[in-house]
C-alpha cells in the first residue's frame, strides 16, 4: 500500500483510508458488528492504516465498535475522528469553530 505524509507533522498513513460511517448509519440499516470487525481487520491486513469515524455516527456506539475492531492492531493504525457534535441536534458544541472559519 502506498503511503502519504499528512501535512508537516511527519504522520504517515496509507494512501487509501477506510471511511467507517456506513457501518452503522447513513447507507441503510446498521451492519452486523462482527462482520464490520472482520472488515476492519481485512483492511489492516491489506495495508490500510487510516480509519475515519465520528461520535455522531450511531451516535456514540459507532466509535466504540471501531475501537473494538481495531484494539488488537492499534499500533498499526491512525483513527481520524470528528467531535463536538450534539447527538440530538447534530449541532456543533463545545468548540468555537467560527474563529477558525474566518
N, C-alpha and C. Protein backbone atom coordinates (compact mmCIF):
# COMPACT_ATOMS: atom_id res chain seq x y z
N UNK A 1 0.85 -1.18 0.00
CA UNK A 1 0.00 0.00 0.00
C UNK A 1 0.90 1.24 0.00
N UNK A 2 0.61 2.14 -0.90
CA UNK A 2 1.33 3.41 -0.95
C UNK A 2 1.05 4.20 0.32
N UNK A 3 2.03 5.00 0.76
CA UNK A 3 1.89 5.81 1.97
C UNK A 3 1.92 7.29 1.61
N UNK A 4 1.38 8.10 2.51
CA UNK A 4 1.38 9.56 2.34
C UNK A 4 1.70 10.21 3.68
N UNK A 5 2.38 11.35 3.63
CA UNK A 5 2.62 12.15 4.82
C UNK A 5 1.50 13.16 4.95
N UNK A 6 0.99 13.34 6.16
CA UNK A 6 -0.06 14.33 6.41
C UNK A 6 0.59 15.63 6.89
N UNK A 7 0.45 16.67 6.09
CA UNK A 7 0.98 17.97 6.46
C UNK A 7 2.45 17.93 6.80
N UNK A 8 2.85 18.73 7.79
CA UNK A 8 4.24 18.81 8.20
C UNK A 8 4.49 18.03 9.48
N UNK A 9 3.51 17.27 9.90
CA UNK A 9 3.62 16.55 11.18
C UNK A 9 4.52 15.33 11.11
N UNK A 10 4.75 14.82 9.92
CA UNK A 10 5.52 13.59 9.78
C UNK A 10 4.67 12.34 9.95
N UNK A 11 3.38 12.52 10.18
CA UNK A 11 2.48 11.39 10.36
C UNK A 11 2.27 10.72 9.00
N UNK A 12 2.59 9.43 8.94
CA UNK A 12 2.47 8.68 7.69
C UNK A 12 1.27 7.75 7.77
N UNK A 13 0.46 7.77 6.72
CA UNK A 13 -0.73 6.92 6.66
C UNK A 13 -0.83 6.29 5.27
N UNK A 14 -1.68 5.31 5.16
CA UNK A 14 -1.91 4.68 3.85
C UNK A 14 -2.58 5.68 2.91
N UNK A 15 -2.27 5.57 1.63
CA UNK A 15 -2.88 6.46 0.64
C UNK A 15 -4.39 6.24 0.57
N UNK A 16 -4.81 5.05 0.87
CA UNK A 16 -6.23 4.72 0.89
C UNK A 16 -6.67 4.54 2.34
N UNK A 17 -7.76 5.18 2.71
CA UNK A 17 -8.29 5.03 4.06
C UNK A 17 -9.64 4.34 4.01
N UNK A 18 -10.16 4.01 5.17
CA UNK A 18 -11.48 3.40 5.25
C UNK A 18 -12.41 4.34 6.00
N UNK A 19 -13.43 4.78 5.30
CA UNK A 19 -14.45 5.64 5.89
C UNK A 19 -15.48 4.72 6.55
N UNK A 20 -15.60 4.80 7.86
CA UNK A 20 -16.37 3.81 8.62
C UNK A 20 -17.83 4.19 8.85
N UNK A 21 -18.27 5.34 8.38
CA UNK A 21 -19.62 5.81 8.66
C UNK A 21 -20.70 4.80 8.25
N UNK A 22 -20.56 4.17 7.12
CA UNK A 22 -21.58 3.27 6.62
C UNK A 22 -21.75 2.00 7.43
N UNK A 23 -20.90 1.78 8.40
CA UNK A 23 -21.02 0.59 9.23
C UNK A 23 -22.24 0.64 10.15
N UNK A 24 -22.67 1.86 10.48
CA UNK A 24 -23.78 1.96 11.43
C UNK A 24 -24.91 2.88 10.98
N UNK A 25 -24.65 3.82 10.12
CA UNK A 25 -25.70 4.78 9.72
C UNK A 25 -25.51 5.21 8.28
N UNK A 26 -26.46 5.92 7.79
CA UNK A 26 -26.43 6.66 6.53
C UNK A 26 -26.66 5.86 5.26
N UNK A 27 -26.28 4.61 5.21
CA UNK A 27 -26.43 3.84 3.99
C UNK A 27 -27.30 2.63 4.23
N UNK A 28 -28.39 2.82 4.96
CA UNK A 28 -29.26 1.71 5.29
C UNK A 28 -29.09 1.30 6.73
N UNK A 29 -29.64 0.15 7.09
CA UNK A 29 -29.57 -0.28 8.49
C UNK A 29 -28.13 -0.59 8.92
N UNK A 30 -27.90 -0.52 10.23
CA UNK A 30 -26.58 -0.84 10.77
C UNK A 30 -26.18 -2.25 10.35
N UNK A 31 -24.92 -2.40 10.07
CA UNK A 31 -24.39 -3.68 9.64
C UNK A 31 -24.07 -4.56 10.85
N UNK A 32 -23.94 -5.85 10.63
CA UNK A 32 -23.60 -6.79 11.68
C UNK A 32 -22.23 -6.44 12.27
N UNK A 33 -22.18 -6.28 13.58
CA UNK A 33 -20.97 -5.83 14.27
C UNK A 33 -19.78 -6.76 13.98
N UNK A 34 -19.95 -8.05 14.06
CA UNK A 34 -18.85 -8.98 13.83
C UNK A 34 -18.35 -8.93 12.39
N UNK A 35 -19.26 -8.72 11.45
CA UNK A 35 -18.84 -8.58 10.05
C UNK A 35 -18.03 -7.29 9.85
N UNK A 36 -18.42 -6.23 10.54
CA UNK A 36 -17.69 -4.96 10.42
C UNK A 36 -16.31 -5.06 11.07
N UNK A 37 -16.21 -5.79 12.16
CA UNK A 37 -14.90 -6.01 12.78
C UNK A 37 -14.01 -6.81 11.83
N UNK A 38 -14.59 -7.81 11.17
CA UNK A 38 -13.83 -8.58 10.18
C UNK A 38 -13.39 -7.69 9.03
N UNK A 39 -14.24 -6.75 8.61
CA UNK A 39 -13.88 -5.81 7.55
C UNK A 39 -12.72 -4.93 7.98
N UNK A 40 -12.76 -4.43 9.20
CA UNK A 40 -11.67 -3.59 9.72
C UNK A 40 -10.36 -4.37 9.71
N UNK A 41 -10.39 -5.62 10.17
CA UNK A 41 -9.19 -6.45 10.19
C UNK A 41 -8.68 -6.72 8.78
N UNK A 42 -9.59 -6.99 7.85
CA UNK A 42 -9.19 -7.25 6.47
C UNK A 42 -8.53 -6.02 5.86
N UNK A 43 -9.05 -4.84 6.16
CA UNK A 43 -8.45 -3.60 5.65
C UNK A 43 -7.03 -3.43 6.18
N UNK A 44 -6.83 -3.67 7.47
CA UNK A 44 -5.49 -3.56 8.05
C UNK A 44 -4.54 -4.56 7.40
N UNK A 45 -4.99 -5.78 7.21
CA UNK A 45 -4.14 -6.80 6.59
C UNK A 45 -3.77 -6.44 5.15
N UNK A 46 -4.56 -5.61 4.51
CA UNK A 46 -4.26 -5.16 3.14
C UNK A 46 -3.46 -3.87 3.11
N UNK A 47 -3.08 -3.36 4.30
CA UNK A 47 -2.23 -2.19 4.37
C UNK A 47 -2.92 -0.88 4.68
N UNK A 48 -4.22 -0.88 4.87
CA UNK A 48 -4.92 0.36 5.23
C UNK A 48 -4.55 0.72 6.67
N UNK A 49 -4.15 1.97 6.87
CA UNK A 49 -3.79 2.41 8.22
C UNK A 49 -4.59 3.62 8.68
N UNK A 50 -5.41 4.21 7.81
CA UNK A 50 -6.19 5.40 8.16
C UNK A 50 -7.67 5.05 8.19
N UNK A 51 -8.29 5.26 9.34
CA UNK A 51 -9.71 4.96 9.53
C UNK A 51 -10.41 6.21 10.01
N UNK A 52 -11.54 6.53 9.38
CA UNK A 52 -12.29 7.75 9.67
C UNK A 52 -13.60 7.39 10.37
N UNK A 53 -13.87 8.05 11.50
CA UNK A 53 -15.09 7.82 12.26
C UNK A 53 -15.53 9.13 12.92
N UNK A 54 -16.63 9.10 13.65
CA UNK A 54 -17.08 10.28 14.39
C UNK A 54 -18.08 9.86 15.46
N UNK A 55 -18.11 10.62 16.54
CA UNK A 55 -19.04 10.30 17.63
C UNK A 55 -20.50 10.44 17.19
N UNK A 56 -20.75 11.25 16.20
CA UNK A 56 -22.13 11.48 15.77
C UNK A 56 -22.70 10.29 15.01
N UNK A 57 -21.85 9.41 14.48
CA UNK A 57 -22.34 8.23 13.79
C UNK A 57 -22.84 7.25 14.86
N UNK A 58 -24.03 6.89 14.80
CA UNK A 58 -24.55 5.92 15.78
C UNK A 58 -25.68 6.43 16.62
N UNK A 59 -25.60 7.50 17.39
CA UNK A 59 -24.42 8.22 17.85
C UNK A 59 -23.69 7.46 18.96
N UNK A 60 -22.43 7.71 19.04
CA UNK A 60 -21.50 7.21 20.06
C UNK A 60 -21.16 5.74 19.93
N UNK A 61 -22.11 4.87 19.68
CA UNK A 61 -21.81 3.44 19.63
C UNK A 61 -20.87 3.10 18.47
N UNK A 62 -20.94 3.89 17.43
CA UNK A 62 -20.10 3.63 16.25
C UNK A 62 -18.62 3.64 16.61
N UNK A 63 -18.17 4.67 17.30
CA UNK A 63 -16.76 4.75 17.67
C UNK A 63 -16.36 3.58 18.58
N UNK A 64 -17.28 3.15 19.42
CA UNK A 64 -16.99 2.00 20.28
C UNK A 64 -16.76 0.75 19.44
N UNK A 65 -17.54 0.56 18.41
CA UNK A 65 -17.38 -0.60 17.54
C UNK A 65 -16.05 -0.54 16.78
N UNK A 66 -15.73 0.64 16.27
CA UNK A 66 -14.46 0.80 15.56
C UNK A 66 -13.29 0.54 16.52
N UNK A 67 -13.39 1.08 17.72
CA UNK A 67 -12.34 0.85 18.72
C UNK A 67 -12.19 -0.63 19.04
N UNK A 68 -13.30 -1.31 19.20
CA UNK A 68 -13.25 -2.74 19.48
C UNK A 68 -12.60 -3.50 18.33
N UNK A 69 -12.94 -3.12 17.12
CA UNK A 69 -12.41 -3.80 15.96
C UNK A 69 -10.93 -3.56 15.72
N UNK A 70 -10.42 -2.39 16.15
CA UNK A 70 -9.02 -2.05 15.90
C UNK A 70 -8.14 -2.20 17.14
N UNK A 71 -8.71 -2.58 18.24
CA UNK A 71 -7.96 -2.68 19.51
C UNK A 71 -6.69 -3.52 19.37
N UNK A 72 -6.78 -4.64 18.71
CA UNK A 72 -5.63 -5.55 18.64
C UNK A 72 -4.57 -5.10 17.64
N UNK A 73 -4.88 -4.10 16.82
CA UNK A 73 -3.92 -3.60 15.83
C UNK A 73 -3.67 -2.11 16.02
N UNK A 74 -3.96 -1.59 17.19
CA UNK A 74 -3.92 -0.15 17.44
C UNK A 74 -2.58 0.49 17.07
N UNK A 75 -1.49 -0.21 17.28
CA UNK A 75 -0.17 0.37 16.99
C UNK A 75 0.08 0.49 15.48
N UNK A 76 -0.77 -0.10 14.67
CA UNK A 76 -0.59 -0.09 13.21
C UNK A 76 -1.53 0.89 12.50
N UNK A 77 -2.42 1.55 13.22
CA UNK A 77 -3.44 2.37 12.57
C UNK A 77 -3.52 3.78 13.15
N UNK A 78 -4.10 4.66 12.36
CA UNK A 78 -4.44 6.02 12.77
C UNK A 78 -5.95 6.14 12.66
N UNK A 79 -6.59 6.63 13.72
CA UNK A 79 -8.04 6.81 13.70
C UNK A 79 -8.32 8.31 13.69
N UNK A 80 -8.93 8.77 12.60
CA UNK A 80 -9.33 10.16 12.49
C UNK A 80 -10.78 10.25 12.95
N UNK A 81 -11.08 11.22 13.79
CA UNK A 81 -12.43 11.36 14.31
C UNK A 81 -12.84 12.82 14.35
N UNK A 82 -14.12 13.04 14.29
CA UNK A 82 -14.67 14.38 14.44
C UNK A 82 -15.42 14.40 15.77
N UNK A 83 -15.43 15.53 16.42
CA UNK A 83 -16.08 15.62 17.72
C UNK A 83 -16.71 16.99 17.87
N UNK A 84 -17.41 17.17 18.97
CA UNK A 84 -18.01 18.46 19.25
C UNK A 84 -19.42 18.59 18.71
N UNK A 85 -20.10 17.47 18.47
CA UNK A 85 -21.46 17.49 17.96
C UNK A 85 -22.44 17.13 19.07
N UNK A 86 -23.59 17.78 19.07
CA UNK A 86 -24.67 17.38 19.96
C UNK A 86 -25.37 16.20 19.29
N UNK A 87 -25.46 15.04 19.96
CA UNK A 87 -26.01 13.86 19.30
C UNK A 87 -27.50 13.97 18.97
N UNK A 88 -28.22 14.84 19.64
CA UNK A 88 -29.64 15.01 19.36
C UNK A 88 -29.88 15.98 18.21
N UNK A 89 -29.24 17.13 18.27
CA UNK A 89 -29.48 18.16 17.25
C UNK A 89 -28.46 18.13 16.12
N UNK A 90 -27.36 17.43 16.36
CA UNK A 90 -26.24 17.37 15.42
C UNK A 90 -25.62 18.74 15.18
N UNK A 91 -25.85 19.65 16.10
CA UNK A 91 -25.22 20.96 16.01
C UNK A 91 -23.87 20.89 16.70
N UNK A 92 -22.97 21.79 16.26
CA UNK A 92 -21.65 21.85 16.90
C UNK A 92 -21.81 22.31 18.33
N UNK A 93 -20.99 21.78 19.21
CA UNK A 93 -20.99 22.21 20.60
C UNK A 93 -19.57 22.12 21.14
N UNK A 94 -19.31 22.85 22.17
CA UNK A 94 -18.05 22.68 22.87
C UNK A 94 -16.86 23.40 22.26
N UNK A 95 -16.91 23.77 21.02
CA UNK A 95 -15.81 24.47 20.38
C UNK A 95 -16.36 25.66 19.61
N UNK A 96 -15.60 26.71 19.55
CA UNK A 96 -16.00 27.87 18.78
C UNK A 96 -15.29 27.80 17.43
N UNK A 97 -15.94 27.17 16.47
CA UNK A 97 -15.35 26.99 15.15
C UNK A 97 -15.34 28.26 14.33
N UNK A 98 -16.25 29.22 14.66
CA UNK A 98 -16.37 30.43 13.83
C UNK A 98 -15.03 31.16 13.68
N UNK A 99 -14.25 31.20 14.75
CA UNK A 99 -12.95 31.89 14.69
C UNK A 99 -11.99 31.22 13.72
N UNK A 100 -12.13 29.91 13.52
CA UNK A 100 -11.24 29.19 12.62
C UNK A 100 -11.72 29.25 11.18
N UNK A 101 -12.98 29.51 10.98
CA UNK A 101 -13.54 29.50 9.62
C UNK A 101 -13.40 30.85 8.92
N UNK A 102 -13.08 31.88 9.64
CA UNK A 102 -12.99 33.21 9.02
C UNK A 102 -11.63 33.45 8.43
